[in-house]
């Protein structure tokens, strides 16, 4: 998961061992309003599973 916070110099990248943990983290970050951009990309094939700016939100079952 990559995210960009309102402060332009602060971004983060995290890896999660499970899709459930990554999904929950993305939703918490979105709902809290702490990030202006959030992107979750599956490492194995590069598929974008969640992208706040682009309006992409694949259901957890497909992660």
PDB file of N, CA and C in Angstrom:
ATOM      1  N   UNK A   1       0.848  -1.147   0.000  1.00  0.00           N
ATOM      2  CA  UNK A   1       0.000   0.000   0.000  1.00  0.00           C
ATOM      3  C   UNK A   1       0.897   1.213   0.000  1.00  0.00           C
ATOM      4  N   UNK A   2       0.605   2.134  -0.900  1.00  0.00           N
ATOM      5  CA  UNK A   2       1.306   3.414  -0.939  1.00  0.00           C
ATOM      6  C   UNK A   2       0.310   4.499  -0.575  1.00  0.00           C
ATOM      7  N   UNK A   3       0.777   5.471   0.175  1.00  0.00           N
ATOM      8  CA  UNK A   3      -0.110   6.575   0.537  1.00  0.00           C
ATOM      9  C   UNK A   3       0.662   7.875   0.558  1.00  0.00           C
ATOM     10  N   UNK A   4      -0.069   8.951   0.329  1.00  0.00           N
ATOM     11  CA  UNK A   4       0.497  10.296   0.405  1.00  0.00           C
ATOM     12  C   UNK A   4      -0.371  11.085   1.359  1.00  0.00           C
ATOM     13  N   UNK A   5       0.263  11.702   2.322  1.00  0.00           N
ATOM     14  CA  UNK A   5      -0.441  12.479   3.337  1.00  0.00           C
ATOM     15  C   UNK A   5      -0.505  13.939   2.911  1.00  0.00           C
ATOM     16  N   UNK A   6      -1.364  14.745   3.537  1.00  0.00           N
ATOM     17  CA  UNK A   6      -1.503  16.152   3.148  1.00  0.00           C
ATOM     18  C   UNK A   6      -0.190  16.930   3.146  1.00  0.00           C
ATOM     19  N   UNK A   7       0.711  16.616   4.051  1.00  0.00           N
ATOM     20  CA  UNK A   7       2.028  17.241   4.029  1.00  0.00           C
ATOM     21  C   UNK A   7       2.768  16.677   2.823  1.00  0.00           C
ATOM     22  N   UNK A   8       3.117  17.504   1.828  1.00  0.00           N
ATOM     23  CA  UNK A   8       3.681  16.984   0.569  1.00  0.00           C
ATOM     24  C   UNK A   8       4.985  16.205   0.722  1.00  0.00           C
ATOM     25  N   UNK A   9       5.661  16.362   1.828  1.00  0.00           N
ATOM     26  CA  UNK A   9       6.931  15.656   1.979  1.00  0.00           C
ATOM     27  C   UNK A   9       6.765  14.316   2.696  1.00  0.00           C
ATOM     28  N   UNK A  10       5.522  13.916   2.981  1.00  0.00           N
ATOM     29  CA  UNK A  10       5.330  12.676   3.729  1.00  0.00           C
ATOM     30  C   UNK A  10       4.521  11.665   2.932  1.00  0.00           C
ATOM     31  N   UNK A  11       5.162  10.595   2.589  1.00  0.00           N
ATOM     32  CA  UNK A  11       4.505   9.468   1.940  1.00  0.00           C
ATOM     33  C   UNK A  11       4.924   8.199   2.652  1.00  0.00           C
ATOM     34  N   UNK A  12       4.237   7.128   2.395  1.00  0.00           N
ATOM     35  CA  UNK A  12       4.571   5.873   3.048  1.00  0.00           C
ATOM     36  C   UNK A  12       4.302   4.717   2.098  1.00  0.00           C
ATOM     37  N   UNK A  13       5.024   3.646   2.300  1.00  0.00           N
ATOM     38  CA  UNK A  13       4.792   2.407   1.554  1.00  0.00           C
ATOM     39  C   UNK A  13       4.879   1.260   2.552  1.00  0.00           C
ATOM     40  N   UNK A  14       3.852   0.440   2.587  1.00  0.00           N
ATOM     41  CA  UNK A  14       3.794  -0.682   3.521  1.00  0.00           C
ATOM     42  C   UNK A  14       3.467  -1.952   2.760  1.00  0.00           C
ATOM     43  N   UNK A  15       3.967  -3.074   3.262  1.00  0.00           N
ATOM     44  CA  UNK A  15       3.637  -4.386   2.706  1.00  0.00           C
ATOM     45  C   UNK A  15       2.849  -5.155   3.751  1.00  0.00           C
ATOM     46  N   UNK A  16       1.857  -5.878   3.292  1.00  0.00           N
ATOM     47  CA  UNK A  16       1.013  -6.665   4.181  1.00  0.00           C
ATOM     48  C   UNK A  16       1.073  -8.124   3.768  1.00  0.00           C
ATOM     49  N   UNK A  17       1.088  -9.011   4.747  1.00  0.00           N
ATOM     50  CA  UNK A  17       1.156 -10.445   4.474  1.00  0.00           C
ATOM     51  C   UNK A  17      -0.182 -11.012   4.042  1.00  0.00           C
ATOM     52  N   UNK A  18      -1.274 -10.335   4.403  1.00  0.00           N
ATOM     53  CA  UNK A  18      -2.585 -10.845   4.016  1.00  0.00           C
ATOM     54  C   UNK A  18      -3.401  -9.766   3.323  1.00  0.00           C
ATOM     55  N   UNK A  19      -4.252 -10.194   2.429  1.00  0.00           N
ATOM     56  CA  UNK A  19      -5.109  -9.253   1.714  1.00  0.00           C
ATOM     57  C   UNK A  19      -6.100  -8.591   2.666  1.00  0.00           C
ATOM     58  N   UNK A  20      -6.547  -9.316   3.673  1.00  0.00           N
ATOM     59  CA  UNK A  20      -7.498  -8.753   4.631  1.00  0.00           C
ATOM     60  C   UNK A  20      -6.869  -7.583   5.391  1.00  0.00           C
ATOM     61  N   UNK A  21      -5.638  -7.746   5.826  1.00  0.00           N
ATOM     62  CA  UNK A  21      -4.952  -6.676   6.554  1.00  0.00           C
ATOM     63  C   UNK A  21      -4.746  -5.457   5.664  1.00  0.00           C
ATOM     64  N   UNK A  22      -4.366  -5.666   4.412  1.00  0.00           N
ATOM     65  CA  UNK A  22      -4.159  -4.550   3.486  1.00  0.00           C
ATOM     66  C   UNK A  22      -5.480  -3.830   3.202  1.00  0.00           C
ATOM     67  N   UNK A  23      -6.528  -4.592   3.017  1.00  0.00           N
ATOM     68  CA  UNK A  23      -7.842  -4.019   2.740  1.00  0.00           C
ATOM     69  C   UNK A  23      -8.319  -3.178   3.925  1.00  0.00           C
ATOM     70  N   UNK A  24      -8.207  -3.716   5.135  1.00  0.00           N
ATOM     71  CA  UNK A  24      -8.620  -2.981   6.328  1.00  0.00           C
ATOM     72  C   UNK A  24      -7.803  -1.707   6.519  1.00  0.00           C
ATOM     73  N   UNK A  25      -6.505  -1.786   6.274  1.00  0.00           N
ATOM     74  CA  UNK A  25      -5.646  -0.609   6.413  1.00  0.00           C
ATOM     75  C   UNK A  25      -6.030   0.475   5.406  1.00  0.00           C
ATOM     76  N   UNK A  26      -6.300   0.092   4.177  1.00  0.00           N
ATOM     77  CA  UNK A  26      -6.697   1.072   3.152  1.00  0.00           C
ATOM     78  C   UNK A  26      -8.018   1.741   3.524  1.00  0.00           C
ATOM     79  N   UNK A  27      -8.977   0.964   3.990  1.00  0.00           N
ATOM     80  CA  UNK A  27     -10.273   1.534   4.368  1.00  0.00           C
ATOM     81  C   UNK A  27     -10.150   2.452   5.581  1.00  0.00           C
ATOM     82  N   UNK A  28      -9.357   2.048   6.573  1.00  0.00           N
ATOM     83  CA  UNK A  28      -9.154   2.906   7.754  1.00  0.00           C
ATOM     84  C   UNK A  28      -8.500   4.226   7.365  1.00  0.00           C
ATOM     85  N   UNK A  29      -7.507   4.158   6.500  1.00  0.00           N
ATOM     86  CA  UNK A  29      -6.814   5.370   6.086  1.00  0.00           C
ATOM     87  C   UNK A  29      -7.759   6.273   5.284  1.00  0.00           C
ATOM     88  N   UNK A  30      -8.555   5.676   4.396  1.00  0.00           N
ATOM     89  CA  UNK A  30      -9.524   6.452   3.615  1.00  0.00           C
ATOM     90  C   UNK A  30     -10.556   7.105   4.533  1.00  0.00           C
ATOM     91  N   UNK A  31     -11.126   6.331   5.427  1.00  0.00           N
ATOM     92  CA  UNK A  31     -12.195   6.820   6.297  1.00  0.00           C
ATOM     93  C   UNK A  31     -11.711   7.872   7.290  1.00  0.00           C
ATOM     94  N   UNK A  32     -10.449   7.800   7.676  1.00  0.00           N
ATOM     95  CA  UNK A  32      -9.908   8.768   8.630  1.00  0.00           C
ATOM     96  C   UNK A  32      -9.553  10.094   7.965  1.00  0.00           C
ATOM     97  N   UNK A  33      -9.382  10.072   6.642  1.00  0.00           N
ATOM     98  CA  UNK A  33      -9.010  11.292   5.926  1.00  0.00           C
ATOM     99  C   UNK A  33      -7.549  11.668   6.092  1.00  0.00           C
ATOM    100  N   UNK A  34      -6.728  10.739   6.572  1.00  0.00           N
ATOM    101  CA  UNK A  34      -5.317  11.043   6.806  1.00  0.00           C
ATOM    102  C   UNK A  34      -4.478  11.085   5.537  1.00  0.00           C
ATOM    103  N   UNK A  35      -4.970  10.528   4.458  1.00  0.00           N
ATOM    104  CA  UNK A  35      -4.180  10.473   3.226  1.00  0.00           C
ATOM    105  C   UNK A  35      -4.961  11.089   2.073  1.00  0.00           C
ATOM    106  N   UNK A  36      -4.254  11.770   1.206  1.00  0.00           N
ATOM    107  CA  UNK A  36      -4.880  12.346   0.017  1.00  0.00           C
ATOM    108  C   UNK A  36      -4.845  11.353  -1.149  1.00  0.00           C
ATOM    109  N   UNK A  37      -3.917  10.418  -1.097  1.00  0.00           N
ATOM    110  CA  UNK A  37      -3.836   9.374  -2.119  1.00  0.00           C
ATOM    111  C   UNK A  37      -3.518   8.052  -1.432  1.00  0.00           C
ATOM    112  N   UNK A  38      -4.215   7.008  -1.829  1.00  0.00           N
ATOM    113  CA  UNK A  38      -3.961   5.661  -1.312  1.00  0.00           C
ATOM    114  C   UNK A  38      -4.033   4.717  -2.504  1.00  0.00           C
ATOM    115  N   UNK A  39      -3.038   3.857  -2.605  1.00  0.00           N
ATOM    116  CA  UNK A  39      -3.014   2.878  -3.685  1.00  0.00           C
ATOM    117  C   UNK A  39      -2.569   1.534  -3.123  1.00  0.00           C
ATOM    118  N   UNK A  40      -3.318   0.474  -3.434  1.00  0.00           N
ATOM    119  CA  UNK A  40      -2.922  -0.877  -3.049  1.00  0.00           C
ATOM    120  C   UNK A  40      -2.700  -1.642  -4.344  1.00  0.00           C
ATOM    121  N   UNK A  41      -1.499  -2.186  -4.481  1.00  0.00           N
ATOM    122  CA  UNK A  41      -1.115  -2.913  -5.697  1.00  0.00           C
ATOM    123  C   UNK A  41      -0.670  -4.312  -5.294  1.00  0.00           C
ATOM    124  N   UNK A  42      -1.228  -5.316  -5.965  1.00  0.00           N
ATOM    125  CA  UNK A  42      -0.827  -6.704  -5.691  1.00  0.00           C
ATOM    126  C   UNK A  42       0.566  -6.908  -6.271  1.00  0.00           C
ATOM    127  N   UNK A  43       1.487  -7.350  -5.440  1.00  0.00           N
ATOM    128  CA  UNK A  43       2.888  -7.480  -5.838  1.00  0.00           C
ATOM    129  C   UNK A  43       3.094  -8.527  -6.926  1.00  0.00           C
ATOM    130  N   UNK A  44       2.375  -9.650  -6.853  1.00  0.00           N
ATOM    131  CA  UNK A  44       2.611 -10.742  -7.804  1.00  0.00           C
ATOM    132  C   UNK A  44       2.401 -10.339  -9.261  1.00  0.00           C
ATOM    133  N   UNK A  45       1.362  -9.515  -9.514  1.00  0.00           N
ATOM    134  CA  UNK A  45       1.051  -9.206 -10.916  1.00  0.00           C
ATOM    135  C   UNK A  45       0.840  -7.720 -11.206  1.00  0.00           C
ATOM    136  N   UNK A  46       0.998  -6.869 -10.207  1.00  0.00           N
ATOM    137  CA  UNK A  46       0.889  -5.434 -10.432  1.00  0.00           C
ATOM    138  C   UNK A  46      -0.529  -4.900 -10.582  1.00  0.00           C
ATOM    139  N   UNK A  47      -1.540  -5.711 -10.281  1.00  0.00           N
ATOM    140  CA  UNK A  47      -2.929  -5.273 -10.401  1.00  0.00           C
ATOM    141  C   UNK A  47      -3.242  -4.262  -9.302  1.00  0.00           C
ATOM    142  N   UNK A  48      -3.870  -3.144  -9.693  1.00  0.00           N
ATOM    143  CA  UNK A  48      -4.285  -2.133  -8.730  1.00  0.00           C
ATOM    144  C   UNK A  48      -5.612  -2.587  -8.124  1.00  0.00           C
ATOM    145  N   UNK A  49      -5.606  -2.820  -6.819  1.00  0.00           N
ATOM    146  CA  UNK A  49      -6.788  -3.307  -6.115  1.00  0.00           C
ATOM    147  C   UNK A  49      -7.587  -2.166  -5.492  1.00  0.00           C
ATOM    148  N   UNK A  50      -6.897  -1.093  -5.149  1.00  0.00           N
ATOM    149  CA  UNK A  50      -7.539   0.051  -4.509  1.00  0.00           C
ATOM    150  C   UNK A  50      -6.771   1.289  -4.920  1.00  0.00           C
ATOM    151  N   UNK A  51      -7.478   2.297  -5.389  1.00  0.00           N
ATOM    152  CA  UNK A  51      -6.854   3.572  -5.744  1.00  0.00           C
ATOM    153  C   UNK A  51      -7.856   4.671  -5.429  1.00  0.00           C
ATOM    154  N   UNK A  52      -7.600   5.404  -4.363  1.00  0.00           N
ATOM    155  CA  UNK A  52      -8.529   6.419  -3.901  1.00  0.00           C
ATOM    156  C   UNK A  52      -8.765   7.492  -4.967  1.00  0.00           C
ATOM    157  N   UNK A  53      -7.706   7.977  -5.596  1.00  0.00           N
ATOM    158  CA  UNK A  53      -7.825   9.063  -6.574  1.00  0.00           C
ATOM    159  C   UNK A  53      -8.559   8.623  -7.845  1.00  0.00           C
ATOM    160  N   UNK A  54      -8.369   7.376  -8.261  1.00  0.00           N
ATOM    161  CA  UNK A  54      -8.977   6.886  -9.502  1.00  0.00           C
ATOM    162  C   UNK A  54     -10.342   6.248  -9.269  1.00  0.00           C
ATOM    163  N   UNK A  55     -10.744   6.102  -8.007  1.00  0.00           N
ATOM    164  CA  UNK A  55     -12.040   5.500  -7.714  1.00  0.00           C
ATOM    165  C   UNK A  55     -12.073   3.991  -7.898  1.00  0.00           C
ATOM    166  N   UNK A  56     -10.920   3.335  -7.786  1.00  0.00           N
ATOM    167  CA  UNK A  56     -10.852   1.876  -7.927  1.00  0.00           C
ATOM    168  C   UNK A  56     -10.976   1.254  -6.542  1.00  0.00           C
ATOM    169  N   UNK A  57     -11.927   0.331  -6.390  1.00  0.00           N
ATOM    170  CA  UNK A  57     -12.069  -0.410  -5.133  1.00  0.00           C
ATOM    171  C   UNK A  57     -12.590  -1.805  -5.442  1.00  0.00           C
ATOM    172  N   UNK A  58     -11.654  -2.710  -5.723  1.00  0.00           N
ATOM    173  CA  UNK A  58     -11.985  -4.098  -6.034  1.00  0.00           C
ATOM    174  C   UNK A  58     -12.470  -4.758  -4.737  1.00  0.00           C
ATOM    175  N   UNK A  59     -13.550  -5.548  -4.775  1.00  0.00           N
ATOM    176  CA  UNK A  59     -14.019  -6.233  -3.561  1.00  0.00           C
ATOM    177  C   UNK A  59     -12.947  -7.133  -2.970  1.00  0.00           C
ATOM    178  N   UNK A  60     -12.925  -7.239  -1.648  1.00  0.00           N
ATOM    179  CA  UNK A  60     -11.924  -8.038  -0.943  1.00  0.00           C
ATOM    180  C   UNK A  60     -11.841  -9.463  -1.488  1.00  0.00           C
ATOM    181  N   UNK A  61     -12.946 -10.044  -1.874  1.00  0.00           N
ATOM    182  CA  UNK A  61     -12.946 -11.428  -2.373  1.00  0.00           C
ATOM    183  C   UNK A  61     -12.031 -11.601  -3.594  1.00  0.00           C
ATOM    184  N   UNK A  62     -11.794 -10.539  -4.341  1.00  0.00           N
ATOM    185  CA  UNK A  62     -10.949 -10.618  -5.546  1.00  0.00           C
ATOM    186  C   UNK A  62      -9.491 -10.263  -5.267  1.00  0.00           C
ATOM    187  N   UNK A  63      -9.191  -9.900  -4.033  1.00  0.00           N
ATOM    188  CA  UNK A  63      -7.817  -9.532  -3.708  1.00  0.00           C
ATOM    189  C   UNK A  63      -6.962 -10.771  -3.659  1.00  0.00           C
TER     190      UNK A  63
END
